[in-house]
């Protein structure tokens, strides 16, 4: 039976599960690609076949964190996505903002191997009816 409380439990579990390795691995791939001439990248140029379907909601976090760190910046160029899973949604082009920051990011971060799914430790103490 799929009740509202079951749905809320699933939402709580997703919010309690942080995926720093996934975000870091994506950010490394983005930086490696933007460091190659012409120093521009479209979000759908990144291959997502290694990203678990349940982790796809955090892809934008890697882009935003790199932009906030002034490694990349969004340009005013946009187009319809060519990625099959994006349903022709709009994507913006990004460009390298700081080569020094990008190289420092790569020196200080390495890819992490993702552990297999772990059993959930969170069990709700009670349920609302």
Protein backbone atom coordinates (compact mmCIF):
# COMPACT_ATOMS: atom_id res chain seq x y z
CA UNK A 1 0.00 0.00 0.00
CA UNK A 2 1.35 3.40 -0.98
CA UNK A 3 0.09 5.93 1.55
CA UNK A 4 0.97 9.58 1.99
CA UNK A 5 3.20 8.72 4.94
CA UNK A 6 5.12 6.22 2.79
CA UNK A 7 5.68 8.93 0.20
CA UNK A 8 6.85 11.37 2.90
CA UNK A 9 9.24 8.73 4.25
CA UNK A 10 10.77 8.33 0.78
CA UNK A 11 11.13 12.10 0.46
CA UNK A 12 12.78 12.32 3.89
CA UNK A 13 15.22 9.55 2.95
CA UNK A 14 16.18 11.35 -0.25
CA UNK A 15 16.77 14.58 1.68
CA UNK A 16 18.89 12.77 4.25
CA UNK A 17 21.03 11.11 1.57
CA UNK A 18 23.83 13.39 0.45
CA UNK A 19 25.75 12.43 -2.65
CA UNK A 20 29.02 14.40 -2.47
CA UNK A 21 30.87 11.77 -4.50
CA UNK A 22 28.40 11.96 -7.37
CA UNK A 23 28.51 15.76 -7.40
CA UNK A 24 32.32 15.78 -7.23
CA UNK A 25 32.67 13.23 -10.03
CA UNK A 26 30.34 15.24 -12.27
CA UNK A 27 32.15 18.48 -11.45
CA UNK A 28 35.50 16.89 -12.31
CA UNK A 29 34.15 15.76 -15.68
CA UNK A 30 32.73 19.24 -16.37
CA UNK A 31 36.04 20.94 -15.51
CA UNK A 32 38.08 18.47 -17.57
CA UNK A 33 35.93 19.17 -20.62
CA UNK A 34 35.80 22.96 -20.22
CA UNK A 35 39.60 23.13 -19.93
CA UNK A 36 39.87 21.96 -23.55
CA UNK A 37 39.62 24.51 -26.38
CA UNK A 38 37.28 26.22 -27.23
CA UNK A 39 36.73 26.40 -23.43
CA UNK A 40 32.96 26.14 -23.76
CA UNK A 41 30.56 23.38 -22.79
CA UNK A 42 26.90 22.57 -22.99
CA UNK A 43 25.34 20.61 -20.11
CA UNK A 44 24.16 17.87 -22.44
CA UNK A 45 27.80 17.29 -23.54
CA UNK A 46 28.37 15.49 -20.24
CA UNK A 47 27.68 11.76 -20.39
CA UNK A 48 25.37 10.66 -17.61
CA UNK A 49 25.45 6.91 -18.18
CA UNK A 50 27.47 6.42 -14.97
CA UNK A 51 24.99 8.44 -12.88
CA UNK A 52 22.32 6.38 -11.17
CA UNK A 53 18.77 7.34 -12.15
CA UNK A 54 17.97 8.19 -8.53
CA UNK A 55 20.91 10.63 -8.46
CA UNK A 56 19.94 12.55 -11.60
CA UNK A 57 18.22 15.26 -9.55
CA UNK A 58 21.61 16.48 -8.29
CA UNK A 59 23.27 17.07 -11.65
CA UNK A 60 22.48 20.79 -11.58
CA UNK A 61 24.22 21.10 -8.23
CA UNK A 62 27.61 20.41 -9.82
CA UNK A 63 27.05 23.14 -12.42
CA UNK A 64 25.86 25.66 -9.81
CA UNK A 65 28.74 24.93 -7.42
CA UNK A 66 31.33 25.39 -10.17
CA UNK A 67 29.66 28.64 -11.25
CA UNK A 68 29.50 29.87 -7.66
CA UNK A 69 33.21 29.08 -7.26
CA UNK A 70 33.94 31.15 -10.41
CA UNK A 71 35.36 28.17 -12.28
CA UNK A 72 32.75 28.41 -15.05
CA UNK A 73 30.13 30.95 -16.00
CA UNK A 74 26.90 30.77 -17.89
CA UNK A 75 26.81 32.55 -21.24
CA UNK A 76 23.78 34.11 -22.84
CA UNK A 77 23.77 31.36 -25.49
CA UNK A 78 21.08 28.71 -25.21
CA UNK A 79 19.51 26.01 -27.34
CA UNK A 80 17.25 22.99 -27.19
CA UNK A 81 18.97 20.02 -25.62
CA UNK A 82 20.00 17.15 -27.85
CA UNK A 83 20.10 14.65 -24.97
CA UNK A 84 17.42 11.98 -25.22
CA UNK A 85 16.36 12.24 -21.58
CA UNK A 86 15.96 16.04 -21.64
CA UNK A 87 12.97 16.09 -24.03
CA UNK A 88 14.44 19.05 -25.95
CA UNK A 89 14.52 21.25 -22.83
CA UNK A 90 16.50 24.47 -22.89
CA UNK A 91 20.19 24.34 -21.94
CA UNK A 92 22.60 27.23 -21.52
CA UNK A 93 26.19 27.23 -22.65
CA UNK A 94 28.95 27.60 -20.06
CA UNK A 95 32.45 28.90 -20.55
CA UNK A 96 35.66 28.70 -18.54
CA UNK A 97 35.88 31.65 -16.17
CA UNK A 98 39.16 30.90 -14.40
CA UNK A 99 41.77 28.45 -15.63
CA UNK A 100 43.68 28.75 -12.34
CA UNK A 101 40.61 27.86 -10.29
CA UNK A 102 39.75 24.99 -12.62
CA UNK A 103 43.25 23.52 -12.38
CA UNK A 104 43.28 23.96 -8.60
CA UNK A 105 39.91 22.20 -8.38
CA UNK A 106 41.28 19.23 -10.33
CA UNK A 107 44.45 19.08 -8.21
CA UNK A 108 42.52 19.07 -4.95
CA UNK A 109 39.72 16.70 -5.94
CA UNK A 110 39.75 13.18 -7.25
CA UNK A 111 36.99 10.88 -8.43
CA UNK A 112 35.40 8.70 -5.83
CA UNK A 113 34.14 5.18 -6.29
CA UNK A 114 30.48 5.01 -5.38
CA UNK A 115 29.62 2.30 -2.83
CA UNK A 116 26.72 0.00 -3.65
CA UNK A 117 23.36 1.00 -2.22
CA UNK A 118 23.37 0.77 1.53
CA UNK A 119 20.41 -0.38 3.60
CA UNK A 120 18.32 2.43 5.03
CA UNK A 121 18.92 3.17 8.70
CA UNK A 122 16.05 5.60 9.03
CA UNK A 123 12.86 4.00 10.27
CA UNK A 124 10.08 6.39 11.20
CA UNK A 125 9.20 6.19 14.89
CA UNK A 126 5.53 6.68 14.15
CA UNK A 127 3.18 7.23 11.26
CA UNK A 128 0.57 9.89 10.76
CA UNK A 129 -2.80 8.60 9.65
